[in-house]
Amino acid sequence: MISHAHQGTTSSALTRLSVNAARRFGIPAHGYAHLLGLAPEHLNDDLCRTPAATGIRIAELTTVHAPWTELARQLTEQSTIGALGVWDYLITSAPTPLEGIRDAAAYISTVADSSTDTMRITEDGEQVVISHVNEADLTYEAACAIRAYALGLYQRRLSDAARRRLVPLRVTLAAKAPPRHQALIELYGTRAIDFEAPSSSVTFLAADLTAPTPHAQPGLSTVLRRHAEQTLATAVPLHNWLDLFRTALASVHDETAPTLPAVARRMAVSTRTLQRRLDEHDTTWSNEVESARRDHITRLLHSTDLSIDAVAARSGYADARALRRAVQRWYGTTPAVLRRTGRPAD
């Protein structure tokens, strides 16, 4: 279910954690508020995926004012169960913590940018090693914070699943040793932390991760995996300005008939600037409105029981005949057939 479109983006939930951490450290908002994906309608929409570069920039600004070790701890403390959506529950609802973390590794793309950050799980006799792979330089403090946070997050979710704090046997970090790392000792609950390691990992006793999860529910893991797939399928990756424009247009379209001034206000630009940016992206207002209207009508036909007349009225058409002509032009079929089959005619 991972597609090329998801690469280069992370979940808005993860970005919200980064923004909240920056605020807690007193980072001035003017340094990052303009970044792609941070408008409230995007940041607070769990379907939106923020450009990974946005989260990285916030981490860079934060580590200028605070040690990366403190940022890692702050992010982990904020990551209460449910903060990262279905990914959290994949771990805590599985029959065992080990099965849960395997599911989490398989669906890491629901949270992170899978083109740069991945998980690996290795069973070695009586131990289980959970690795976080990120190829950034060991001296890059923003990446160091993210690696340390990832390990802290895995530990916290596994502890949530076991309903007791699981203390790792050892922690390795692909990060240059900081002057002080008391924050990490408190985060992981151990002094067995090695720096400048080839990879970042956290090691647990296998017995801690293979014991039955106290509150596991039979069959729930299957439901959650399907939900994770649906989360990715319906996600809206925001890679560039045109992605942001289309989400703004869609949100206006859902409320009323879209107008150029209304969308311009939503994006905090002038109508002239909006038209110029559309031209730069080789598209026009009329083409985009037509595409948004098509998507809106298709969604109403597939997800509601509204009559064809009601769909026409909600979509700005004079009557059902005008709607039928539009659907015939787009899909070569009728609204009734489109609704019944769930897809355009071949």
C-alpha atoms as a PDB file:
ATOM      1  CA  MET A   1       0.000   0.000   0.000  1.00  0.00           C
ATOM      2  CA  ILE A   2       3.042   2.273   0.248  1.00  0.00           C
ATOM      3  CA  SER A   3       3.160   4.374  -2.896  1.00  0.00           C
ATOM      4  CA  HIS A   4       5.712   6.709  -4.375  1.00  0.00           C
ATOM      5  CA  ALA A   5       3.383   9.589  -3.447  1.00  0.00           C
ATOM      6  CA  HIS A   6       3.871   8.875   0.278  1.00  0.00           C
ATOM      7  CA  GLN A   7       7.635   9.183   0.085  1.00  0.00           C
ATOM      8  CA  GLY A   8       9.029  12.479   1.265  1.00  0.00           C
ATOM      9  CA  THR A   9       6.121  12.979   3.679  1.00  0.00           C
ATOM     10  CA  THR A  10       5.236  12.107   7.275  1.00  0.00           C
ATOM     11  CA  SER A  11       1.952  11.959   9.147  1.00  0.00           C
ATOM     12  CA  SER A  12       0.500  15.247  10.341  1.00  0.00           C
ATOM     13  CA  ALA A  13       0.339  13.642  13.814  1.00  0.00           C
ATOM     14  CA  LEU A  14       4.130  13.374  13.884  1.00  0.00           C
ATOM     15  CA  THR A  15       4.460  16.964  12.699  1.00  0.00           C
ATOM     16  CA  ARG A  16       2.105  18.150  15.458  1.00  0.00           C
ATOM     17  CA  LEU A  17       4.419  16.562  18.027  1.00  0.00           C
ATOM     18  CA  SER A  18       7.372  18.453  16.541  1.00  0.00           C
ATOM     19  CA  VAL A  19       5.472  21.757  16.580  1.00  0.00           C
ATOM     20  CA  ASN A  20       4.372  21.244  20.188  1.00  0.00           C
ATOM     21  CA  ALA A  21       7.939  20.436  21.238  1.00  0.00           C
ATOM     22  CA  ALA A  22       9.229  23.563  19.498  1.00  0.00           C
ATOM     23  CA  ARG A  23       6.666  25.643  21.373  1.00  0.00           C
ATOM     24  CA  ARG A  24       7.658  24.113  24.704  1.00  0.00           C
ATOM     25  CA  PHE A  25      11.272  25.018  24.048  1.00  0.00           C
ATOM     26  CA  GLY A  26      10.239  28.570  23.181  1.00  0.00           C
ATOM     27  CA  ILE A  27      11.197  28.438  19.500  1.00  0.00           C
ATOM     28  CA  PRO A  28       9.706  31.530  17.776  1.00  0.00           C
ATOM     29  CA  ALA A  29       6.859  30.465  15.492  1.00  0.00           C
ATOM     30  CA  HIS A  30       7.891  32.904  12.754  1.00  0.00           C
ATOM     31  CA  GLY A  31      10.826  30.626  12.029  1.00  0.00           C
ATOM     32  CA  TYR A  32       8.637  27.734  10.905  1.00  0.00           C
ATOM     33  CA  ALA A  33       4.959  28.770  10.662  1.00  0.00           C
ATOM     34  CA  HIS A  34       5.300  29.484   6.929  1.00  0.00           C
ATOM     35  CA  LEU A  35       6.471  25.971   6.077  1.00  0.00           C
ATOM     36  CA  LEU A  36       4.400  23.692   3.854  1.00  0.00           C
ATOM     37  CA  GLY A  37       1.816  21.702   5.762  1.00  0.00           C
ATOM     38  CA  LEU A  38       1.634  23.882   8.881  1.00  0.00           C
ATOM     39  CA  ALA A  39      -1.579  25.729   8.037  1.00  0.00           C
ATOM     40  CA  PRO A  40      -4.194  24.651  10.626  1.00  0.00           C
ATOM     41  CA  GLU A  41      -6.391  22.947   8.033  1.00  0.00           C
ATOM     42  CA  HIS A  42      -3.436  20.701   7.102  1.00  0.00           C
ATOM     43  CA  LEU A  43      -1.700  20.266  10.458  1.00  0.00           C
ATOM     44  CA  ASN A  44      -4.940  19.269  12.201  1.00  0.00           C
ATOM     45  CA  ASP A  45      -6.152  16.971   9.432  1.00  0.00           C
ATOM     46  CA  ASP A  46      -5.035  13.383  10.030  1.00  0.00           C
ATOM     47  CA  LEU A  47      -5.506  12.587   6.339  1.00  0.00           C
ATOM     48  CA  CYS A  48      -2.815  15.085   5.351  1.00  0.00           C
ATOM     49  CA  ARG A  49       0.814  14.059   5.164  1.00  0.00           C
ATOM     50  CA  THR A  50       3.304  16.850   5.784  1.00  0.00           C
ATOM     51  CA  PRO A  51       6.501  17.261   3.743  1.00  0.00           C
ATOM     52  CA  ALA A  52       9.301  15.537   5.646  1.00  0.00           C
ATOM     53  CA  ALA A  53      11.409  18.640   5.083  1.00  0.00           C
ATOM     54  CA  THR A  54       8.990  20.599   7.283  1.00  0.00           C
ATOM     55  CA  GLY A  55       9.523  18.321  10.286  1.00  0.00           C
ATOM     56  CA  ILE A  56      13.258  18.297   9.729  1.00  0.00           C
ATOM     57  CA  ARG A  57      13.401  22.089   9.656  1.00  0.00           C
ATOM     58  CA  ILE A  58      11.464  22.332  12.928  1.00  0.00           C
ATOM     59  CA  ALA A  59      13.896  19.866  14.523  1.00  0.00           C
ATOM     60  CA  GLU A  60      16.846  21.906  13.212  1.00  0.00           C
ATOM     61  CA  LEU A  61      15.472  25.098  14.738  1.00  0.00           C
ATOM     62  CA  THR A  62      14.762  23.348  18.034  1.00  0.00           C
ATOM     63  CA  THR A  63      18.230  21.816  18.373  1.00  0.00           C
ATOM     64  CA  VAL A  64      19.750  25.279  17.955  1.00  0.00           C
ATOM     65  CA  HIS A  65      18.116  26.253  21.265  1.00  0.00           C
ATOM     66  CA  ALA A  66      18.021  22.918  23.104  1.00  0.00           C
ATOM     67  CA  PRO A  67      20.253  19.802  23.265  1.00  0.00           C
ATOM     68  CA  TRP A  68      19.112  17.068  20.918  1.00  0.00           C
ATOM     69  CA  THR A  69      18.917  14.724  23.897  1.00  0.00           C
ATOM     70  CA  GLU A  70      16.286  16.969  25.516  1.00  0.00           C
ATOM     71  CA  LEU A  71      14.298  17.174  22.280  1.00  0.00           C
ATOM     72  CA  ALA A  72      14.238  13.365  22.058  1.00  0.00           C
ATOM     73  CA  ARG A  73      12.949  13.114  25.616  1.00  0.00           C
ATOM     74  CA  GLN A  74      10.324  15.831  25.064  1.00  0.00           C
ATOM     75  CA  LEU A  75       9.002  14.148  21.927  1.00  0.00           C
ATOM     76  CA  THR A  76       8.773  10.806  23.705  1.00  0.00           C
ATOM     77  CA  GLU A  77       6.971  12.312  26.691  1.00  0.00           C
ATOM     78  CA  GLN A  78       4.411  13.887  24.354  1.00  0.00           C
ATOM     79  CA  SER A  79       3.815  10.608  22.544  1.00  0.00           C
ATOM     80  CA  THR A  80       1.019   9.290  24.713  1.00  0.00           C
ATOM     81  CA  ILE A  81      -0.849   6.317  23.329  1.00  0.00           C
ATOM     82  CA  GLY A  82      -3.065   7.363  20.438  1.00  0.00           C
ATOM     83  CA  ALA A  83      -0.941  10.379  19.541  1.00  0.00           C
ATOM     84  CA  LEU A  84       0.225   8.588  16.388  1.00  0.00           C
ATOM     85  CA  GLY A  85      -3.105   7.037  15.515  1.00  0.00           C
ATOM     86  CA  VAL A  86      -3.512   3.450  14.370  1.00  0.00           C
ATOM     87  CA  TRP A  87       0.249   2.833  14.466  1.00  0.00           C
ATOM     88  CA  ASP A  88       0.193   2.995  18.265  1.00  0.00           C
ATOM     89  CA  TYR A  89      -2.597   0.450  18.575  1.00  0.00           C
ATOM     90  CA  LEU A  90      -0.902  -2.008  16.234  1.00  0.00           C
ATOM     91  CA  ILE A  91       1.634  -2.488  19.022  1.00  0.00           C
ATOM     92  CA  THR A  92      -0.579  -2.381  22.077  1.00  0.00           C
ATOM     93  CA  SER A  93      -3.409  -4.599  20.782  1.00  0.00           C
ATOM     94  CA  ALA A  94      -1.421  -7.506  19.334  1.00  0.00           C
ATOM     95  CA  PRO A  95      -1.321 -10.899  21.111  1.00  0.00           C
ATOM     96  CA  THR A  96       2.255 -10.178  22.243  1.00  0.00           C
ATOM     97  CA  PRO A  97       4.409  -7.030  22.241  1.00  0.00           C
ATOM     98  CA  LEU A  98       6.755  -8.717  19.756  1.00  0.00           C
ATOM     99  CA  GLU A  99       3.943  -9.359  17.277  1.00  0.00           C
ATOM    100  CA  GLY A 100       2.813  -5.777  17.767  1.00  0.00           C
ATOM    101  CA  ILE A 101       6.217  -4.261  17.052  1.00  0.00           C
ATOM    102  CA  ARG A 102       6.483  -6.429  13.934  1.00  0.00           C
ATOM    103  CA  ASP A 103       3.205  -4.960  12.698  1.00  0.00           C
ATOM    104  CA  ALA A 104       4.499  -1.492  13.573  1.00  0.00           C
ATOM    105  CA  ALA A 105       7.612  -2.102  11.474  1.00  0.00           C
ATOM    106  CA  ALA A 106       5.481  -3.260   8.535  1.00  0.00           C
ATOM    107  CA  TYR A 107       3.360  -0.101   8.721  1.00  0.00           C
ATOM    108  CA  ILE A 108       5.974   2.464   9.754  1.00  0.00           C
ATOM    109  CA  SER A 109       5.011   4.448   6.632  1.00  0.00           C
ATOM    110  CA  THR A 110       1.710   5.431   8.291  1.00  0.00           C
ATOM    111  CA  VAL A 111       3.837   7.678  10.514  1.00  0.00           C
ATOM    112  CA  ALA A 112       7.283   8.242   9.035  1.00  0.00           C
ATOM    113  CA  ASP A 113       8.906   8.796   5.657  1.00  0.00           C
ATOM    114  CA  SER A 114       9.740   5.228   4.669  1.00  0.00           C
ATOM    115  CA  SER A 115      12.246   6.443   2.085  1.00  0.00           C
ATOM    116  CA  THR A 116      14.559   7.662   4.866  1.00  0.00           C
ATOM    117  CA  ASP A 117      13.454   5.955   8.103  1.00  0.00           C
ATOM    118  CA  THR A 118      12.818   2.239   8.541  1.00  0.00           C
ATOM    119  CA  MET A 119      12.603  -0.315  11.352  1.00  0.00           C
ATOM    120  CA  ARG A 120      14.309  -3.691  11.611  1.00  0.00           C
ATOM    121  CA  ILE A 121      13.629  -6.423  14.149  1.00  0.00           C
ATOM    122  CA  THR A 122      16.201  -9.134  14.790  1.00  0.00           C
ATOM    123  CA  GLU A 123      15.728 -12.086  17.132  1.00  0.00           C
ATOM    124  CA  ASP A 124      18.991 -13.364  18.559  1.00  0.00           C
ATOM    125  CA  GLY A 125      18.404 -16.206  20.948  1.00  0.00           C
ATOM    126  CA  GLU A 126      17.132 -14.749  24.198  1.00  0.00           C
ATOM    127  CA  GLN A 127      17.272 -11.165  22.908  1.00  0.00           C
ATOM    128  CA  VAL A 128      15.317  -9.025  20.449  1.00  0.00           C
ATOM    129  CA  VAL A 129      17.011  -6.073  18.767  1.00  0.00           C
ATOM    130  CA  ILE A 130      14.834  -3.291  17.335  1.00  0.00           C
ATOM    131  CA  SER A 131      16.781  -1.006  15.018  1.00  0.00           C
ATOM    132  CA  HIS A 132      15.907   2.376  13.582  1.00  0.00           C
ATOM    133  CA  VAL A 133      17.665   3.020  10.293  1.00  0.00           C
ATOM    134  CA  ASN A 134      18.407   6.567   9.169  1.00  0.00           C
ATOM    135  CA  GLU A 135      21.366   7.371   6.938  1.00  0.00           C
ATOM    136  CA  ALA A 136      21.964  10.971   8.051  1.00  0.00           C
ATOM    137  CA  ASP A 137      25.365  12.001   9.380  1.00  0.00           C
ATOM    138  CA  LEU A 138      26.187  11.135  13.011  1.00  0.00           C
ATOM    139  CA  THR A 139      26.908  14.786  13.791  1.00  0.00           C
ATOM    140  CA  TYR A 140      23.592  16.070  12.405  1.00  0.00           C
ATOM    141  CA  GLU A 141      21.805  16.964  15.627  1.00  0.00           C
ATOM    142  CA  ALA A 142      18.275  16.996  14.200  1.00  0.00           C
ATOM    143  CA  ALA A 143      18.742  13.408  12.975  1.00  0.00           C
ATOM    144  CA  CYS A 144      20.299  12.416  16.307  1.00  0.00           C
ATOM    145  CA  ALA A 145      17.186  13.672  18.096  1.00  0.00           C
ATOM    146  CA  ILE A 146      14.909  11.759  15.721  1.00  0.00           C
ATOM    147  CA  ARG A 147      16.856   8.513  16.159  1.00  0.00           C
ATOM    148  CA  ALA A 148      16.869   8.799  19.933  1.00  0.00           C
ATOM    149  CA  TYR A 149      13.165   9.649  19.922  1.00  0.00           C
ATOM    150  CA  ALA A 150      12.337   6.663  17.717  1.00  0.00           C
ATOM    151  CA  LEU A 151      13.988   4.271  20.174  1.00  0.00           C
ATOM    152  CA  GLY A 152      12.251   5.945  23.103  1.00  0.00           C
ATOM    153  CA  LEU A 153       8.933   5.667  21.269  1.00  0.00           C
ATOM    154  CA  TYR A 154       9.416   1.936  20.603  1.00  0.00           C
ATOM    155  CA  GLN A 155      10.258   1.357  24.256  1.00  0.00           C
ATOM    156  CA  ARG A 156       7.247   3.339  25.430  1.00  0.00           C
ATOM    157  CA  ARG A 157       4.775   1.538  23.172  1.00  0.00           C
ATOM    158  CA  LEU A 158       6.138  -1.885  24.103  1.00  0.00           C
ATOM    159  CA  SER A 159       5.791  -0.912  27.759  1.00  0.00           C
ATOM    160  CA  ASP A 160       2.220   0.216  27.065  1.00  0.00           C
ATOM    161  CA  ALA A 161       1.535  -3.193  25.541  1.00  0.00           C
ATOM    162  CA  ALA A 162       3.090  -5.084  28.472  1.00  0.00           C
ATOM    163  CA  ARG A 163       1.472  -2.710  30.985  1.00  0.00           C
ATOM    164  CA  ARG A 164       4.775  -2.356  32.794  1.00  0.00           C
ATOM    165  CA  ARG A 165       7.935  -0.438  32.043  1.00  0.00           C
ATOM    166  CA  LEU A 166      10.301  -2.508  29.959  1.00  0.00           C
ATOM    167  CA  VAL A 167      13.927  -1.536  30.478  1.00  0.00           C
ATOM    168  CA  PRO A 168      16.256  -2.375  27.594  1.00  0.00           C
ATOM    169  CA  LEU A 169      19.405  -4.415  28.064  1.00  0.00           C
ATOM    170  CA  ARG A 170      21.299  -1.828  26.032  1.00  0.00           C
ATOM    171  CA  VAL A 171      20.828   1.082  23.656  1.00  0.00           C
ATOM    172  CA  THR A 172      23.049   2.029  20.734  1.00  0.00           C
ATOM    173  CA  LEU A 173      22.830   5.353  18.958  1.00  0.00           C
ATOM    174  CA  ALA A 174      24.237   6.406  15.612  1.00  0.00           C
ATOM    175  CA  ALA A 175      25.038   9.796  17.100  1.00  0.00           C
ATOM    176  CA  LYS A 176      28.075  11.640  18.274  1.00  0.00           C
ATOM    177  CA  ALA A 177      28.412  11.405  22.046  1.00  0.00           C
ATOM    178  CA  PRO A 178      26.892  14.562  23.593  1.00  0.00           C
ATOM    179  CA  PRO A 179      28.588  16.440  26.459  1.00  0.00           C
ATOM    180  CA  ARG A 180      25.826  15.219  28.769  1.00  0.00           C
ATOM    181  CA  HIS A 181      23.195  12.575  28.263  1.00  0.00           C
ATOM    182  CA  GLN A 182      21.326  12.377  31.547  1.00  0.00           C
ATOM    183  CA  ALA A 183      18.112  13.021  29.599  1.00  0.00           C
ATOM    184  CA  LEU A 184      18.665   9.781  27.678  1.00  0.00           C
ATOM    185  CA  ILE A 185      19.457   7.806  30.825  1.00  0.00           C
ATOM    186  CA  GLU A 186      16.134   8.970  32.244  1.00  0.00           C
ATOM    187  CA  LEU A 187      14.357   8.319  28.959  1.00  0.00           C
ATOM    188  CA  TYR A 188      15.522   4.715  28.550  1.00  0.00           C
ATOM    189  CA  GLY A 189      15.947   3.844  32.233  1.00  0.00           C
ATOM    190  CA  THR A 190      19.484   2.553  31.719  1.00  0.00           C
ATOM    191  CA  ARG A 191      23.074   3.762  31.569  1.00  0.00           C
ATOM    192  CA  ALA A 192      23.958   1.094  29.004  1.00  0.00           C
ATOM    193  CA  ILE A 193      23.970   3.552  26.109  1.00  0.00           C
ATOM    194  CA  ASP A 194      26.635   3.401  23.397  1.00  0.00           C
ATOM    195  CA  PHE A 195      27.201   6.324  21.036  1.00  0.00           C
ATOM    196  CA  GLU A 196      28.730   6.533  17.556  1.00  0.00           C
ATOM    197  CA  ALA A 197      27.367   3.064  16.825  1.00  0.00           C
ATOM    198  CA  PRO A 198      26.871   1.774  13.261  1.00  0.00           C
ATOM    199  CA  SER A 199      23.096   1.846  13.819  1.00  0.00           C
ATOM    200  CA  SER A 200      20.558   2.961  16.387  1.00  0.00           C
ATOM    201  CA  SER A 201      18.936   0.115  18.272  1.00  0.00           C
ATOM    202  CA  VAL A 202      17.301  -0.938  21.508  1.00  0.00           C
ATOM    203  CA  THR A 203      17.691  -4.491  22.826  1.00  0.00           C
ATOM    204  CA  PHE A 204      15.192  -6.306  25.069  1.00  0.00           C
ATOM    205  CA  LEU A 205      14.947  -9.722  26.642  1.00  0.00           C
ATOM    206  CA  ALA A 206      12.881 -11.892  24.321  1.00  0.00           C
ATOM    207  CA  ALA A 207      10.874 -13.076  27.326  1.00  0.00           C
ATOM    208  CA  ASP A 208       9.680  -9.503  27.902  1.00  0.00           C
ATOM    209  CA  LEU A 209       8.314  -9.239  24.365  1.00  0.00           C
ATOM    210  CA  THR A 210       6.858 -12.726  23.918  1.00  0.00           C
ATOM    211  CA  ALA A 211       4.693 -12.737  27.039  1.00  0.00           C
ATOM    212  CA  PRO A 212       0.969 -12.361  26.213  1.00  0.00           C
ATOM    213  CA  THR A 213      -0.300  -8.800  26.045  1.00  0.00           C
ATOM    214  CA  PRO A 214      -2.661  -8.428  29.036  1.00  0.00           C
ATOM    215  CA  HIS A 215      -5.433  -6.661  27.112  1.00  0.00           C
ATOM    216  CA  ALA A 216      -5.085  -8.255  23.673  1.00  0.00           C
ATOM    217  CA  GLN A 217      -8.339  -8.954  21.805  1.00  0.00           C
ATOM    218  CA  PRO A 218      -8.518 -11.857  19.338  1.00  0.00           C
ATOM    219  CA  GLY A 219      -8.849 -10.649  15.763  1.00  0.00           C
ATOM    220  CA  LEU A 220      -8.237  -6.991  16.548  1.00  0.00           C
ATOM    221  CA  SER A 221      -4.785  -6.972  14.963  1.00  0.00           C
ATOM    222  CA  THR A 222      -6.294  -7.962  11.619  1.00  0.00           C
ATOM    223  CA  VAL A 223      -8.772  -5.094  11.819  1.00  0.00           C
ATOM    224  CA  LEU A 224      -6.016  -2.632  12.724  1.00  0.00           C
ATOM    225  CA  ARG A 225      -3.799  -3.748   9.853  1.00  0.00           C
ATOM    226  CA  ARG A 226      -6.673  -3.118   7.450  1.00  0.00           C
ATOM    227  CA  HIS A 227      -7.214   0.272   9.037  1.00  0.00           C
ATOM    228  CA  ALA A 228      -3.515   1.078   8.591  1.00  0.00           C
ATOM    229  CA  GLU A 229      -3.789   0.179   4.905  1.00  0.00           C
ATOM    230  CA  GLN A 230      -6.867   2.375   4.571  1.00  0.00           C
ATOM    231  CA  THR A 231      -5.034   5.216   6.305  1.00  0.00           C
ATOM    232  CA  LEU A 232      -2.337   5.096   3.652  1.00  0.00           C
ATOM    233  CA  ALA A 233      -4.841   4.669   0.818  1.00  0.00           C
ATOM    234  CA  THR A 234      -6.793   7.793   1.783  1.00  0.00           C
ATOM    235  CA  ALA A 235      -3.816   9.942   2.792  1.00  0.00           C
ATOM    236  CA  VAL A 236      -3.257  13.283   1.055  1.00  0.00           C
ATOM    237  CA  PRO A 237       0.500  13.820   0.603  1.00  0.00           C
ATOM    238  CA  LEU A 238       1.486  17.489   0.527  1.00  0.00           C
ATOM    239  CA  HIS A 239       4.610  17.759  -1.552  1.00  0.00           C
ATOM    240  CA  ASN A 240       4.293  21.215  -3.054  1.00  0.00           C
ATOM    241  CA  TRP A 241       2.196  24.336  -3.436  1.00  0.00           C
ATOM    242  CA  LEU A 242      -0.253  22.682  -5.840  1.00  0.00           C
ATOM    243  CA  ASP A 243      -1.033  19.977  -3.272  1.00  0.00           C
ATOM    244  CA  LEU A 244      -1.800  22.678  -0.703  1.00  0.00           C
ATOM    245  CA  PHE A 245      -4.002  24.541  -3.180  1.00  0.00           C
ATOM    246  CA  ARG A 246      -6.012  21.424  -3.973  1.00  0.00           C
ATOM    247  CA  THR A 247      -6.661  20.638  -0.316  1.00  0.00           C
ATOM    248  CA  ALA A 248      -7.791  24.243   0.219  1.00  0.00           C
ATOM    249  CA  LEU A 249     -10.060  24.038  -2.825  1.00  0.00           C
ATOM    250  CA  ALA A 250     -11.538  20.741  -1.640  1.00  0.00           C
ATOM    251  CA  SER A 251     -12.252  22.133   1.824  1.00  0.00           C
ATOM    252  CA  VAL A 252     -14.025  25.174   0.347  1.00  0.00           C
ATOM    253  CA  HIS A 253     -15.919  22.939  -2.094  1.00  0.00           C
ATOM    254  CA  ASP A 254     -17.219  20.840   0.788  1.00  0.00           C
ATOM    255  CA  GLU A 255     -18.668  23.962   2.431  1.00  0.00           C
ATOM    256  CA  THR A 256     -20.100  25.875  -0.542  1.00  0.00           C
ATOM    257  CA  ALA A 257     -19.571  26.554  -4.238  1.00  0.00           C
ATOM    258  CA  PRO A 258     -15.852  27.405  -4.503  1.00  0.00           C
ATOM    259  CA  THR A 259     -14.821  30.867  -5.594  1.00  0.00           C
ATOM    260  CA  LEU A 260     -11.383  32.207  -6.376  1.00  0.00           C
ATOM    261  CA  PRO A 261     -11.516  34.843  -3.569  1.00  0.00           C
ATOM    262  CA  ALA A 262     -12.633  32.233  -1.010  1.00  0.00           C
ATOM    263  CA  VAL A 263      -9.720  29.902  -1.781  1.00  0.00           C
ATOM    264  CA  ALA A 264      -7.284  32.828  -1.914  1.00  0.00           C
ATOM    265  CA  ARG A 265      -8.427  33.867   1.575  1.00  0.00           C
ATOM    266  CA  ARG A 266      -8.006  30.288   2.802  1.00  0.00           C
ATOM    267  CA  MET A 267      -4.422  30.310   1.524  1.00  0.00           C
ATOM    268  CA  ALA A 268      -3.734  33.867   2.729  1.00  0.00           C
ATOM    269  CA  VAL A 269      -2.762  35.176  -0.728  1.00  0.00           C
ATOM    270  CA  SER A 270      -4.292  37.606  -3.210  1.00  0.00           C
ATOM    271  CA  THR A 271      -6.418  36.337  -6.094  1.00  0.00           C
ATOM    272  CA  ARG A 272      -3.817  37.648  -8.518  1.00  0.00           C
ATOM    273  CA  THR A 273      -1.053  35.707  -6.770  1.00  0.00           C
ATOM    274  CA  LEU A 274      -3.216  32.589  -6.721  1.00  0.00           C
ATOM    275  CA  GLN A 275      -3.848  32.780 -10.462  1.00  0.00           C
ATOM    276  CA  ARG A 276      -0.167  33.398 -11.136  1.00  0.00           C
ATOM    277  CA  ARG A 277       0.862  30.349  -9.078  1.00  0.00           C
ATOM    278  CA  LEU A 278      -1.673  28.182 -10.930  1.00  0.00           C
ATOM    279  CA  ASP A 279      -0.197  29.359 -14.215  1.00  0.00           C
ATOM    280  CA  GLU A 280       3.288  28.476 -12.950  1.00  0.00           C
ATOM    281  CA  HIS A 281       2.020  24.940 -12.316  1.00  0.00           C
ATOM    282  CA  ASP A 282       0.564  24.645 -15.847  1.00  0.00           C
ATOM    283  CA  THR A 283      -3.047  24.583 -14.723  1.00  0.00           C
ATOM    284  CA  THR A 284      -5.998  26.974 -14.464  1.00  0.00           C
ATOM    285  CA  TRP A 285      -8.699  27.842 -11.957  1.00  0.00           C
ATOM    286  CA  SER A 286     -11.420  26.388 -14.197  1.00  0.00           C
ATOM    287  CA  ASN A 287      -9.538  23.116 -14.693  1.00  0.00           C
ATOM    288  CA  GLU A 288      -8.949  22.735 -10.967  1.00  0.00           C
ATOM    289  CA  VAL A 289     -12.573  23.531 -10.089  1.00  0.00           C
ATOM    290  CA  GLU A 290     -13.753  20.981 -12.655  1.00  0.00           C
ATOM    291  CA  SER A 291     -11.454  18.331 -11.175  1.00  0.00           C
ATOM    292  CA  ALA A 292     -12.553  19.161  -7.614  1.00  0.00           C
ATOM    293  CA  ARG A 293     -16.204  19.024  -8.653  1.00  0.00           C
ATOM    294  CA  ARG A 294     -15.667  15.633 -10.292  1.00  0.00           C
ATOM    295  CA  ASP A 295     -14.007  14.258  -7.148  1.00  0.00           C
ATOM    296  CA  HIS A 296     -16.742  15.757  -4.962  1.00  0.00           C
ATOM    297  CA  ILE A 297     -19.541  14.215  -7.022  1.00  0.00           C
ATOM    298  CA  THR A 298     -17.820  10.834  -7.204  1.00  0.00           C
ATOM    299  CA  ARG A 299     -17.386  10.847  -3.432  1.00  0.00           C
ATOM    300  CA  LEU A 300     -21.072  11.703  -2.871  1.00  0.00           C
ATOM    301  CA  LEU A 301     -22.211   8.951  -5.216  1.00  0.00           C
ATOM    302  CA  HIS A 302     -19.984   6.359  -3.568  1.00  0.00           C
ATOM    303  CA  SER A 303     -20.385   7.316   0.088  1.00  0.00           C
ATOM    304  CA  THR A 304     -23.972   8.601   0.447  1.00  0.00           C
ATOM    305  CA  ASP A 305     -27.504   7.568  -0.423  1.00  0.00           C
ATOM    306  CA  LEU A 306     -28.426  11.026  -1.712  1.00  0.00           C
ATOM    307  CA  SER A 307     -30.663  11.091  -4.764  1.00  0.00           C
ATOM    308  CA  ILE A 308     -29.176  12.161  -8.089  1.00  0.00           C
ATOM    309  CA  ASP A 309     -31.141  15.415  -7.814  1.00  0.00           C
ATOM    310  CA  ALA A 310     -29.667  16.051  -4.340  1.00  0.00           C
ATOM    311  CA  VAL A 311     -26.136  15.306  -5.547  1.00  0.00           C
ATOM    312  CA  ALA A 312     -26.653  17.751  -8.425  1.00  0.00           C
ATOM    313  CA  ALA A 313     -27.904  20.451  -6.058  1.00  0.00           C
ATOM    314  CA  ARG A 314     -24.954  19.950  -3.679  1.00  0.00           C
ATOM    315  CA  SER A 315     -22.512  20.141  -6.575  1.00  0.00           C
ATOM    316  CA  GLY A 316     -23.722  23.363  -8.160  1.00  0.00           C
ATOM    317  CA  TYR A 317     -25.595  21.872 -11.105  1.00  0.00           C
ATOM    318  CA  ALA A 318     -28.989  23.226 -12.172  1.00  0.00           C
ATOM    319  CA  ASP A 319     -30.598  19.789 -12.276  1.00  0.00           C
ATOM    320  CA  ALA A 320     -29.959  16.057 -12.577  1.00  0.00           C
ATOM    321  CA  ARG A 321     -29.717  16.257 -16.375  1.00  0.00           C
ATOM    322  CA  ALA A 322     -26.740  18.617 -16.163  1.00  0.00           C
ATOM    323  CA  LEU A 323     -25.104  16.250 -13.669  1.00  0.00           C
ATOM    324  CA  ARG A 324     -25.675  13.268 -15.951  1.00  0.00           C
ATOM    325  CA  ARG A 325     -24.067  15.092 -18.875  1.00  0.00           C
ATOM    326  CA  ALA A 326     -21.005  15.891 -16.744  1.00  0.00           C
ATOM    327  CA  VAL A 327     -20.599  12.298 -15.489  1.00  0.00           C
ATOM    328  CA  GLN A 328     -20.987  11.014 -19.048  1.00  0.00           C
ATOM    329  CA  ARG A 329     -18.248  13.412 -20.185  1.00  0.00           C
ATOM    330  CA  TRP A 330     -15.883  12.411 -17.371  1.00  0.00           C
ATOM    331  CA  TYR A 331     -16.453   8.684 -17.150  1.00  0.00           C
ATOM    332  CA  GLY A 332     -18.490   7.619 -20.181  1.00  0.00           C
ATOM    333  CA  THR A 333     -21.282   6.294 -17.965  1.00  0.00           C
ATOM    334  CA  THR A 334     -24.239   7.446 -15.876  1.00  0.00           C
ATOM    335  CA  PRO A 335     -24.341   8.458 -12.196  1.00  0.00           C
ATOM    336  CA  ALA A 336     -26.484   5.386 -11.429  1.00  0.00           C
ATOM    337  CA  VAL A 337     -23.957   2.990 -12.984  1.00  0.00           C
ATOM    338  CA  LEU A 338     -21.056   4.777 -11.315  1.00  0.00           C
ATOM    339  CA  ARG A 339     -22.782   4.447  -7.946  1.00  0.00           C
ATOM    340  CA  ARG A 340     -23.682   0.807  -8.460  1.00  0.00           C
ATOM    341  CA  THR A 341     -20.295  -0.399  -9.729  1.00  0.00           C
ATOM    342  CA  GLY A 342     -18.165   1.871  -7.556  1.00  0.00           C
ATOM    343  CA  ARG A 343     -15.952   2.701 -10.522  1.00  0.00           C
ATOM    344  CA  PRO A 344     -16.093   4.300 -13.971  1.00  0.00           C
ATOM    345  CA  ALA A 345     -17.154   2.092 -16.872  1.00  0.00           C
ATOM    346  CA  ASP A 346     -14.347   0.589 -18.957  1.00  0.00           C
END
